[in-house]
Amino acid sequence: MLAGVGALALLAGCHSADSAAPGASAKPASTAAAGPVTGAASGGSHSGGTAAECVTAKVRGSCGPYRDPAIYRSDGQTTFVGQDVWNPVPGYSQTLRATGPGNWSVSASMPAGNTAVVSFPNVGQQYYYSNTLSQVSSIYSSFAEDMNPTGGTIAEAAYDIWLNNWHNEVMIQHDLVNRDRCPALAQASFGGSGGVPVREWNLCEYGTELIWQLVGPGQHSGSVDVLAMLNWLVDHKYLPKQSGLTDISYGFEICSTGGRPETFTLSRFTISAEG
């Protein structure tokens, strides 16, 4: 698996305010079958950079690989931006435009009222199973996004983190539009170091997926203490001891745009870590 871009997994579904279940599961896959793209950028780009624009409307279309100094262990082989239309429905369209991992957008049109996740366009950074969480003392990530939502939008901005060679999945959902809040199993506060403000998060489960949901209004830009949120899950036996990172992806789970074109934009994305 080469790219940190999502693919087929459990059809958990996006849900509107009168539905019950929270999120979708998206397992990253290889870009080998991504198909041709226009102006594909390879290496040397950075968040917010001015690399040649990559444009693709392919279901598995992917841009990169990129080398981005703002992303921990981005080496020109492990960082991608991908379309990830893993559940295409009749009447959908989606086009990705990217100049780097922290500077990309998706123009999407999804049927009005659709409640299943159609796609998870995202930036993904691949790690390896040997990178156990105990080997690092911090992992922070920052983001800035704009979904340009309307009354018909059903979507969210979120991290999708895979651990232990794709065996464990954790989502961090911080901006939900017409989405349900899942029943909380626990609540915890994270932040206070690394420039991350202290915020409250609810923990819930959907199938085998663990989900942190931000309590209160959504955030369009900010930062999260990724390591603290993962270590809490290890300490409370939701994740195995000595868990290791496999992939950190960030993007938009899109269900509906009300049947009209909508642009989902990421203008900043970073991952920092210390040993």
C-alpha atoms as a PDB file:
ATOM      1  CA  MET A   1       0.000   0.000   0.000  1.00  0.00           C
ATOM      2  CA  LEU A   2       1.717   3.145  -1.230  1.00  0.00           C
ATOM      3  CA  ALA A   3      -0.589   6.062  -0.652  1.00  0.00           C
ATOM      4  CA  GLY A   4      -2.261   7.561   2.368  1.00  0.00           C
ATOM      5  CA  VAL A   5      -5.537   7.887   0.517  1.00  0.00           C
ATOM      6  CA  GLY A   6      -8.664   6.046   1.571  1.00  0.00           C
ATOM      7  CA  ALA A   7     -10.447   3.197  -0.193  1.00  0.00           C
ATOM      8  CA  LEU A   8     -13.033   0.495   0.322  1.00  0.00           C
ATOM      9  CA  ALA A   9     -14.043  -0.572   3.800  1.00  0.00           C
ATOM     10  CA  LEU A  10     -17.178  -0.588   5.957  1.00  0.00           C
ATOM     11  CA  LEU A  11     -20.119   1.420   4.577  1.00  0.00           C
ATOM     12  CA  ALA A  12     -20.978   3.091   7.843  1.00  0.00           C
ATOM     13  CA  GLY A  13     -22.549   6.133   6.213  1.00  0.00           C
ATOM     14  CA  CYS A  14     -22.892   9.858   6.673  1.00  0.00           C
ATOM     15  CA  HIS A  15     -26.115  10.669   8.407  1.00  0.00           C
ATOM     16  CA  SER A  16     -28.375  13.689   8.632  1.00  0.00           C
ATOM     17  CA  ALA A  17     -29.893  15.053  11.794  1.00  0.00           C
ATOM     18  CA  ASP A  18     -32.631  12.405  11.945  1.00  0.00           C
ATOM     19  CA  SER A  19     -30.286   9.431  11.563  1.00  0.00           C
ATOM     20  CA  ALA A  20     -28.375   7.444  14.143  1.00  0.00           C
ATOM     21  CA  ALA A  21     -24.929   6.315  13.029  1.00  0.00           C
ATOM     22  CA  PRO A  22     -21.788   8.476  12.829  1.00  0.00           C
ATOM     23  CA  GLY A  23     -19.056   8.197  10.197  1.00  0.00           C
ATOM     24  CA  ALA A  24     -17.457   5.945   7.687  1.00  0.00           C
ATOM     25  CA  SER A  25     -14.424   3.766   7.551  1.00  0.00           C
ATOM     26  CA  ALA A  26     -11.900   4.374   4.793  1.00  0.00           C
ATOM     27  CA  LYS A  27      -8.855   2.121   4.437  1.00  0.00           C
ATOM     28  CA  PRO A  28      -5.983   3.533   2.376  1.00  0.00           C
ATOM     29  CA  ALA A  29      -5.040   1.728  -0.825  1.00  0.00           C
ATOM     30  CA  SER A  30      -2.394   1.756  -3.525  1.00  0.00           C
ATOM     31  CA  THR A  31      -2.465   4.385  -6.253  1.00  0.00           C
ATOM     32  CA  ALA A  32      -1.442   1.840  -8.852  1.00  0.00           C
ATOM     33  CA  ALA A  33      -4.925   1.852 -10.393  1.00  0.00           C
ATOM     34  CA  ALA A  34      -5.490   5.566 -10.013  1.00  0.00           C
ATOM     35  CA  GLY A  35      -5.467   6.273 -13.740  1.00  0.00           C
ATOM     36  CA  PRO A  36      -3.959   9.274 -15.500  1.00  0.00           C
ATOM     37  CA  VAL A  37      -3.965  12.725 -13.982  1.00  0.00           C
ATOM     38  CA  THR A  38      -3.181  16.130 -15.420  1.00  0.00           C
ATOM     39  CA  GLY A  39      -0.076  17.970 -14.232  1.00  0.00           C
ATOM     40  CA  ALA A  40       0.753  15.420 -11.540  1.00  0.00           C
ATOM     41  CA  ALA A  41       3.272  16.838  -9.086  1.00  0.00           C
ATOM     42  CA  SER A  42       6.070  14.637  -7.768  1.00  0.00           C
ATOM     43  CA  GLY A  43       8.389  15.639  -4.947  1.00  0.00           C
ATOM     44  CA  GLY A  44       9.674  19.013  -3.828  1.00  0.00           C
ATOM     45  CA  SER A  45       6.330  20.564  -2.921  1.00  0.00           C
ATOM     46  CA  HIS A  46       5.239  21.830   0.456  1.00  0.00           C
ATOM     47  CA  SER A  47       2.094  22.904   2.270  1.00  0.00           C
ATOM     48  CA  GLY A  48       0.683  25.978   0.588  1.00  0.00           C
ATOM     49  CA  GLY A  49       3.325  25.703  -2.119  1.00  0.00           C
ATOM     50  CA  THR A  50       3.232  26.618  -5.784  1.00  0.00           C
ATOM     51  CA  ALA A  51       4.013  23.260  -7.418  1.00  0.00           C
ATOM     52  CA  ALA A  52       2.398  22.383 -10.738  1.00  0.00           C
ATOM     53  CA  GLU A  53      -1.297  21.768 -10.277  1.00  0.00           C
ATOM     54  CA  CYS A  54      -2.473  18.182 -10.368  1.00  0.00           C
ATOM     55  CA  VAL A  55      -6.064  17.663 -11.539  1.00  0.00           C
ATOM     56  CA  THR A  56      -7.960  14.369 -11.522  1.00  0.00           C
ATOM     57  CA  ALA A  57     -11.585  13.254 -11.617  1.00  0.00           C
ATOM     58  CA  LYS A  58     -10.762   9.532 -11.465  1.00  0.00           C
ATOM     59  CA  VAL A  59     -12.480   7.472  -8.774  1.00  0.00           C
ATOM     60  CA  ARG A  60      -9.071   6.463  -7.390  1.00  0.00           C
ATOM     61  CA  GLY A  61      -7.255   9.515  -8.722  1.00  0.00           C
ATOM     62  CA  SER A  62      -4.163  10.483  -6.738  1.00  0.00           C
ATOM     63  CA  CYS A  63      -1.666  13.350  -6.712  1.00  0.00           C
ATOM     64  CA  GLY A  64       1.920  13.007  -5.569  1.00  0.00           C
ATOM     65  CA  PRO A  65       4.015  11.640  -4.070  1.00  0.00           C
ATOM     66  CA  TYR A  66       5.118  14.817  -2.349  1.00  0.00           C
ATOM     67  CA  ARG A  67       7.984  15.778  -0.076  1.00  0.00           C
ATOM     68  CA  ASP A  68       6.672  18.219   2.505  1.00  0.00           C
ATOM     69  CA  PRO A  69       8.861  19.516   5.357  1.00  0.00           C
ATOM     70  CA  ALA A  70       5.699  20.416   7.296  1.00  0.00           C
ATOM     71  CA  ILE A  71       4.735  16.736   7.557  1.00  0.00           C
ATOM     72  CA  TYR A  72       6.642  14.353   9.816  1.00  0.00           C
ATOM     73  CA  ARG A  73       8.567  11.757   7.748  1.00  0.00           C
ATOM     74  CA  SER A  74       7.312  12.996   4.400  1.00  0.00           C
ATOM     75  CA  ASP A  75      10.129  11.834   2.123  1.00  0.00           C
ATOM     76  CA  GLY A  76       8.856  12.147  -1.430  1.00  0.00           C
ATOM     77  CA  GLN A  77       7.494   8.592  -1.433  1.00  0.00           C
ATOM     78  CA  THR A  78       4.898   8.422   1.349  1.00  0.00           C
ATOM     79  CA  THR A  79       2.712  11.552   1.045  1.00  0.00           C
ATOM     80  CA  PHE A  80      -0.254  11.696  -1.349  1.00  0.00           C
ATOM     81  CA  VAL A  81      -3.497  13.576  -1.952  1.00  0.00           C
ATOM     82  CA  GLY A  82      -6.311  11.410  -3.280  1.00  0.00           C
ATOM     83  CA  GLN A  83      -9.871  11.454  -4.600  1.00  0.00           C
ATOM     84  CA  ASP A  84     -10.966   8.302  -2.744  1.00  0.00           C
ATOM     85  CA  VAL A  85     -14.458   7.952  -4.221  1.00  0.00           C
ATOM     86  CA  TRP A  86     -14.944   4.614  -2.485  1.00  0.00           C
ATOM     87  CA  ASN A  87     -18.754   4.465  -2.730  1.00  0.00           C
ATOM     88  CA  PRO A  88     -19.818   6.133  -6.015  1.00  0.00           C
ATOM     89  CA  VAL A  89     -23.555   6.728  -6.327  1.00  0.00           C
ATOM     90  CA  PRO A  90     -25.596   7.683  -9.401  1.00  0.00           C
ATOM     91  CA  GLY A  91     -25.427  11.399 -10.116  1.00  0.00           C
ATOM     92  CA  TYR A  92     -22.198  12.141  -8.248  1.00  0.00           C
ATOM     93  CA  SER A  93     -19.212  14.060  -9.611  1.00  0.00           C
ATOM     94  CA  GLN A  94     -15.926  15.015  -7.977  1.00  0.00           C
ATOM     95  CA  THR A  95     -12.705  16.636  -9.198  1.00  0.00           C
ATOM     96  CA  LEU A  96      -9.506  17.072  -7.171  1.00  0.00           C
ATOM     97  CA  ARG A  97      -7.065  19.950  -7.697  1.00  0.00           C
ATOM     98  CA  ALA A  98      -3.818  19.917  -5.728  1.00  0.00           C
ATOM     99  CA  THR A  99      -0.496  21.736  -5.645  1.00  0.00           C
ATOM    100  CA  GLY A 100       0.623  20.087  -2.411  1.00  0.00           C
ATOM    101  CA  PRO A 101      -0.459  18.223   0.726  1.00  0.00           C
ATOM    102  CA  GLY A 102      -1.553  21.456   2.409  1.00  0.00           C
ATOM    103  CA  ASN A 103      -3.025  23.174  -0.636  1.00  0.00           C
ATOM    104  CA  TRP A 104      -5.797  21.285  -2.418  1.00  0.00           C
ATOM    105  CA  SER A 105      -9.523  21.346  -3.061  1.00  0.00           C
ATOM    106  CA  VAL A 106     -12.301  19.102  -4.294  1.00  0.00           C
ATOM    107  CA  SER A 107     -15.262  20.270  -6.336  1.00  0.00           C
ATOM    108  CA  ALA A 108     -18.064  17.813  -5.642  1.00  0.00           C
ATOM    109  CA  SER A 109     -21.723  17.382  -6.475  1.00  0.00           C
ATOM    110  CA  MET A 110     -23.565  14.704  -4.513  1.00  0.00           C
ATOM    111  CA  PRO A 111     -27.319  13.956  -4.680  1.00  0.00           C
ATOM    112  CA  ALA A 112     -29.582  15.842  -2.295  1.00  0.00           C
ATOM    113  CA  GLY A 113     -30.476  13.872   0.811  1.00  0.00           C
ATOM    114  CA  ASN A 114     -27.888  11.140   0.240  1.00  0.00           C
ATOM    115  CA  THR A 115     -26.871   9.695   3.624  1.00  0.00           C
ATOM    116  CA  ALA A 116     -24.080   7.283   2.669  1.00  0.00           C
ATOM    117  CA  VAL A 117     -20.442   8.372   2.481  1.00  0.00           C
ATOM    118  CA  VAL A 118     -19.560   8.737  -1.186  1.00  0.00           C
ATOM    119  CA  SER A 119     -15.937   9.810  -0.836  1.00  0.00           C
ATOM    120  CA  PHE A 120     -13.118  10.748   1.504  1.00  0.00           C
ATOM    121  CA  PRO A 121     -10.833  13.084  -0.459  1.00  0.00           C
ATOM    122  CA  ASN A 122      -7.767  13.416   1.726  1.00  0.00           C
ATOM    123  CA  VAL A 123      -4.093  14.018   2.262  1.00  0.00           C
ATOM    124  CA  GLY A 124      -2.397  10.934   3.639  1.00  0.00           C
ATOM    125  CA  GLN A 125       0.985  10.326   5.224  1.00  0.00           C
ATOM    126  CA  GLN A 126       2.051   6.698   5.432  1.00  0.00           C
ATOM    127  CA  TYR A 127       4.092   5.356   8.314  1.00  0.00           C
ATOM    128  CA  TYR A 128       5.142   1.831   9.187  1.00  0.00           C
ATOM    129  CA  TYR A 129       4.112  -0.682  11.788  1.00  0.00           C
ATOM    130  CA  SER A 130       7.518  -0.471  13.502  1.00  0.00           C
ATOM    131  CA  ASN A 131       6.772   3.153  14.493  1.00  0.00           C
ATOM    132  CA  THR A 132       5.320   2.368  17.910  1.00  0.00           C
ATOM    133  CA  LEU A 133       3.705   5.241  19.761  1.00  0.00           C
ATOM    134  CA  SER A 134       6.175   4.788  22.614  1.00  0.00           C
ATOM    135  CA  GLN A 135       9.023   5.804  20.272  1.00  0.00           C
ATOM    136  CA  VAL A 136       7.808   9.412  20.065  1.00  0.00           C
ATOM    137  CA  SER A 137       7.154  11.973  22.773  1.00  0.00           C
ATOM    138  CA  SER A 138       4.711  14.109  20.763  1.00  0.00           C
ATOM    139  CA  ILE A 139       2.593  14.113  17.614  1.00  0.00           C
ATOM    140  CA  TYR A 140       0.744  17.323  16.802  1.00  0.00           C
ATOM    141  CA  SER A 141      -1.193  18.193  13.678  1.00  0.00           C
ATOM    142  CA  SER A 142      -2.757  21.416  12.420  1.00  0.00           C
ATOM    143  CA  PHE A 143      -5.306  22.140   9.712  1.00  0.00           C
ATOM    144  CA  ALA A 144      -7.324  24.868   8.018  1.00  0.00           C
ATOM    145  CA  GLU A 145     -10.345  23.909   5.945  1.00  0.00           C
ATOM    146  CA  ASP A 146     -13.491  25.337   4.383  1.00  0.00           C
ATOM    147  CA  MET A 147     -16.375  23.150   3.209  1.00  0.00           C
ATOM    148  CA  ASN A 148     -18.405  26.108   1.899  1.00  0.00           C
ATOM    149  CA  PRO A 149     -21.496  24.335   3.287  1.00  0.00           C
ATOM    150  CA  THR A 150     -25.107  24.981   2.351  1.00  0.00           C
ATOM    151  CA  GLY A 151     -28.334  23.792   3.920  1.00  0.00           C
ATOM    152  CA  GLY A 152     -28.112  20.626   1.853  1.00  0.00           C
ATOM    153  CA  THR A 153     -24.555  19.715   2.840  1.00  0.00           C
ATOM    154  CA  ILE A 154     -24.012  16.472   4.754  1.00  0.00           C
ATOM    155  CA  ALA A 155     -20.304  16.096   5.431  1.00  0.00           C
ATOM    156  CA  GLU A 156     -17.505  16.403   7.943  1.00  0.00           C
ATOM    157  CA  ALA A 157     -13.830  17.280   8.204  1.00  0.00           C
ATOM    158  CA  ALA A 158     -11.817  14.669  10.053  1.00  0.00           C
ATOM    159  CA  TYR A 159      -8.627  12.726  10.603  1.00  0.00           C
ATOM    160  CA  ASP A 160      -8.625   9.035   9.732  1.00  0.00           C
ATOM    161  CA  ILE A 161      -5.761   7.300  11.517  1.00  0.00           C
ATOM    162  CA  TRP A 162      -4.742   3.684  10.998  1.00  0.00           C
ATOM    163  CA  LEU A 163      -2.561   1.701  13.367  1.00  0.00           C
ATOM    164  CA  ASN A 164      -1.052  -1.770  13.678  1.00  0.00           C
ATOM    165  CA  ASN A 165      -0.727  -2.584   9.989  1.00  0.00           C
ATOM    166  CA  TRP A 166      -4.273  -1.421   9.105  1.00  0.00           C
ATOM    167  CA  HIS A 167      -5.910  -3.363  11.946  1.00  0.00           C
ATOM    168  CA  ASN A 168      -7.116  -0.451  14.102  1.00  0.00           C
ATOM    169  CA  GLU A 169      -8.835   2.749  12.971  1.00  0.00           C
ATOM    170  CA  VAL A 170      -9.323   6.005  14.872  1.00  0.00           C
ATOM    171  CA  MET A 171     -11.162   9.057  13.545  1.00  0.00           C
ATOM    172  CA  ILE A 172     -10.924  12.578  14.953  1.00  0.00           C
ATOM    173  CA  GLN A 173     -13.981  14.519  13.779  1.00  0.00           C
ATOM    174  CA  HIS A 174     -13.825  18.257  14.459  1.00  0.00           C
ATOM    175  CA  ASP A 175     -16.248  19.893  11.981  1.00  0.00           C
ATOM    176  CA  LEU A 176     -19.591  18.177  11.375  1.00  0.00           C
ATOM    177  CA  VAL A 177     -22.243  19.609   9.033  1.00  0.00           C
ATOM    178  CA  ASN A 178     -25.746  18.132   9.411  1.00  0.00           C
ATOM    179  CA  ARG A 179     -24.238  15.094  11.107  1.00  0.00           C
ATOM    180  CA  ASP A 180     -25.363  13.274  14.225  1.00  0.00           C
ATOM    181  CA  ARG A 181     -23.340  13.193  17.400  1.00  0.00           C
ATOM    182  CA  CYS A 182     -22.631   9.583  18.297  1.00  0.00           C
ATOM    183  CA  PRO A 183     -23.492   8.198  21.765  1.00  0.00           C
ATOM    184  CA  ALA A 184     -20.492   8.912  23.974  1.00  0.00           C
ATOM    185  CA  LEU A 185     -18.683   6.096  25.766  1.00  0.00           C
ATOM    186  CA  ALA A 186     -16.380   8.549  27.527  1.00  0.00           C
ATOM    187  CA  GLN A 187     -15.276  12.175  27.519  1.00  0.00           C
ATOM    188  CA  ALA A 188     -11.725  13.492  27.828  1.00  0.00           C
ATOM    189  CA  SER A 189      -9.811  16.759  27.526  1.00  0.00           C
ATOM    190  CA  PHE A 190      -6.756  17.107  25.298  1.00  0.00           C
ATOM    191  CA  GLY A 191      -4.420  20.013  24.646  1.00  0.00           C
ATOM    192  CA  GLY A 192      -2.355  22.398  26.703  1.00  0.00           C
ATOM    193  CA  SER A 193       0.994  21.702  25.048  1.00  0.00           C
ATOM    194  CA  GLY A 194       2.479  22.109  21.596  1.00  0.00           C
ATOM    195  CA  GLY A 195       0.260  25.134  20.973  1.00  0.00           C
ATOM    196  CA  VAL A 196      -2.884  22.977  21.089  1.00  0.00           C
ATOM    197  CA  PRO A 197      -5.730  24.574  23.068  1.00  0.00           C
ATOM    198  CA  VAL A 198      -7.534  22.444  25.643  1.00  0.00           C
ATOM    199  CA  ARG A 199     -10.771  21.062  24.206  1.00  0.00           C
ATOM    200  CA  GLU A 200     -13.321  18.451  25.251  1.00  0.00           C
ATOM    201  CA  TRP A 201     -13.861  15.372  23.107  1.00  0.00           C
ATOM    202  CA  ASN A 202     -16.425  12.565  23.203  1.00  0.00           C
ATOM    203  CA  LEU A 203     -15.373   9.015  22.401  1.00  0.00           C
ATOM    204  CA  CYS A 204     -17.718   6.648  20.596  1.00  0.00           C
ATOM    205  CA  GLU A 205     -17.537   3.470  18.531  1.00  0.00           C
ATOM    206  CA  TYR A 206     -19.022   2.507  15.189  1.00  0.00           C
ATOM    207  CA  GLY A 207     -18.331  -1.143  14.492  1.00  0.00           C
ATOM    208  CA  THR A 208     -14.572  -1.545  14.873  1.00  0.00           C
ATOM    209  CA  GLU A 209     -13.970   2.192  14.390  1.00  0.00           C
ATOM    210  CA  LEU A 210     -13.088   4.442  17.321  1.00  0.00           C
ATOM    211  CA  ILE A 211     -14.254   8.041  16.921  1.00  0.00           C
ATOM    212  CA  TRP A 212     -13.292  11.190  18.802  1.00  0.00           C
ATOM    213  CA  GLN A 213     -15.878  13.947  18.247  1.00  0.00           C
ATOM    214  CA  LEU A 214     -15.244  17.535  19.296  1.00  0.00           C
ATOM    215  CA  VAL A 215     -17.671  18.772  21.937  1.00  0.00           C
ATOM    216  CA  GLY A 216     -19.346  22.073  21.059  1.00  0.00           C
ATOM    217  CA  PRO A 217     -19.089  24.095  17.849  1.00  0.00           C
ATOM    218  CA  GLY A 218     -16.958  22.785  15.023  1.00  0.00           C
ATOM    219  CA  GLN A 219     -13.470  24.083  14.261  1.00  0.00           C
ATOM    220  CA  HIS A 220     -12.512  25.187  10.743  1.00  0.00           C
ATOM    221  CA  SER A 221      -8.873  25.663  11.699  1.00  0.00           C
ATOM    222  CA  GLY A 222      -6.840  24.565  14.655  1.00  0.00           C
ATOM    223  CA  SER A 223      -4.611  21.809  15.950  1.00  0.00           C
ATOM    224  CA  VAL A 224      -4.901  18.504  17.778  1.00  0.00           C
ATOM    225  CA  ASP A 225      -2.658  16.510  20.095  1.00  0.00           C
ATOM    226  CA  VAL A 226      -2.721  13.261  18.137  1.00  0.00           C
ATOM    227  CA  LEU A 227      -0.386  11.320  20.411  1.00  0.00           C
ATOM    228  CA  ALA A 228      -2.316  12.196  23.577  1.00  0.00           C
ATOM    229  CA  MET A 229      -5.591  11.048  21.976  1.00  0.00           C
ATOM    230  CA  LEU A 230      -4.057   7.759  20.828  1.00  0.00           C
ATOM    231  CA  ASN A 231      -2.252   7.124  24.117  1.00  0.00           C
ATOM    232  CA  TRP A 232      -5.513   7.642  26.008  1.00  0.00           C
ATOM    233  CA  LEU A 233      -7.041   4.850  23.916  1.00  0.00           C
ATOM    234  CA  VAL A 234      -4.081   2.578  24.699  1.00  0.00           C
ATOM    235  CA  ASP A 235      -4.207   3.387  28.410  1.00  0.00           C
ATOM    236  CA  HIS A 236      -7.945   2.633  28.528  1.00  0.00           C
ATOM    237  CA  LYS A 237      -7.543  -0.614  26.579  1.00  0.00           C
ATOM    238  CA  TYR A 238      -9.323   0.515  23.406  1.00  0.00           C
ATOM    239  CA  LEU A 239      -6.073  -0.002  21.480  1.00  0.00           C
ATOM    240  CA  PRO A 240      -3.403  -2.687  21.979  1.00  0.00           C
ATOM    241  CA  LYS A 241      -0.278  -1.944  23.981  1.00  0.00           C
ATOM    242  CA  GLN A 242       2.728  -0.959  21.865  1.00  0.00           C
ATOM    243  CA  SER A 243       0.456   0.164  19.030  1.00  0.00           C
ATOM    244  CA  GLY A 244       2.252   1.523  15.982  1.00  0.00           C
ATOM    245  CA  LEU A 245       1.312   4.133  13.401  1.00  0.00           C
ATOM    246  CA  THR A 246       0.466   3.010   9.875  1.00  0.00           C
ATOM    247  CA  ASP A 247      -1.160   6.075   8.305  1.00  0.00           C
ATOM    248  CA  ILE A 248      -2.464   9.532   9.223  1.00  0.00           C
ATOM    249  CA  SER A 249      -4.967  10.902   6.712  1.00  0.00           C
ATOM    250  CA  TYR A 250      -7.008  14.086   6.815  1.00  0.00           C
ATOM    251  CA  GLY A 251      -9.896  15.167   4.615  1.00  0.00           C
ATOM    252  CA  PHE A 252     -13.635  15.339   4.080  1.00  0.00           C
ATOM    253  CA  GLU A 253     -16.226  12.593   4.332  1.00  0.00           C
ATOM    254  CA  ILE A 254     -18.816  13.733   1.811  1.00  0.00           C
ATOM    255  CA  CYS A 255     -22.379  12.404   1.611  1.00  0.00           C
ATOM    256  CA  SER A 256     -24.429  15.168   0.023  1.00  0.00           C
ATOM    257  CA  THR A 257     -23.980  18.656  -1.371  1.00  0.00           C
ATOM    258  CA  GLY A 258     -27.721  19.167  -1.804  1.00  0.00           C
ATOM    259  CA  GLY A 259     -27.424  18.234  -5.469  1.00  0.00           C
ATOM    260  CA  ARG A 260     -25.355  21.338  -6.243  1.00  0.00           C
ATOM    261  CA  PRO A 261     -21.614  21.858  -6.813  1.00  0.00           C
ATOM    262  CA  GLU A 262     -19.671  22.570  -3.633  1.00  0.00           C
ATOM    263  CA  THR A 263     -15.972  23.194  -3.078  1.00  0.00           C
ATOM    264  CA  PHE A 264     -14.135  21.600  -0.160  1.00  0.00           C
ATOM    265  CA  THR A 265     -10.785  23.286   0.470  1.00  0.00           C
ATOM    266  CA  LEU A 266      -7.746  22.496   2.583  1.00  0.00           C
ATOM    267  CA  SER A 267      -5.310  25.414   2.924  1.00  0.00           C
ATOM    268  CA  ARG A 268      -3.035  24.119   5.705  1.00  0.00           C
ATOM    269  CA  PHE A 269      -1.966  20.718   6.969  1.00  0.00           C
ATOM    270  CA  THR A 270       0.980  19.823   9.180  1.00  0.00           C
ATOM    271  CA  ILE A 271       2.174  16.901  11.271  1.00  0.00           C
ATOM    272  CA  SER A 272       5.002  17.428  13.741  1.00  0.00           C
ATOM    273  CA  ALA A 273       6.580  14.858  16.049  1.00  0.00           C
ATOM    274  CA  GLU A 274       9.521  14.439  18.395  1.00  0.00           C
ATOM    275  CA  GLY A 275      11.344  11.301  19.438  1.00  0.00           C
END
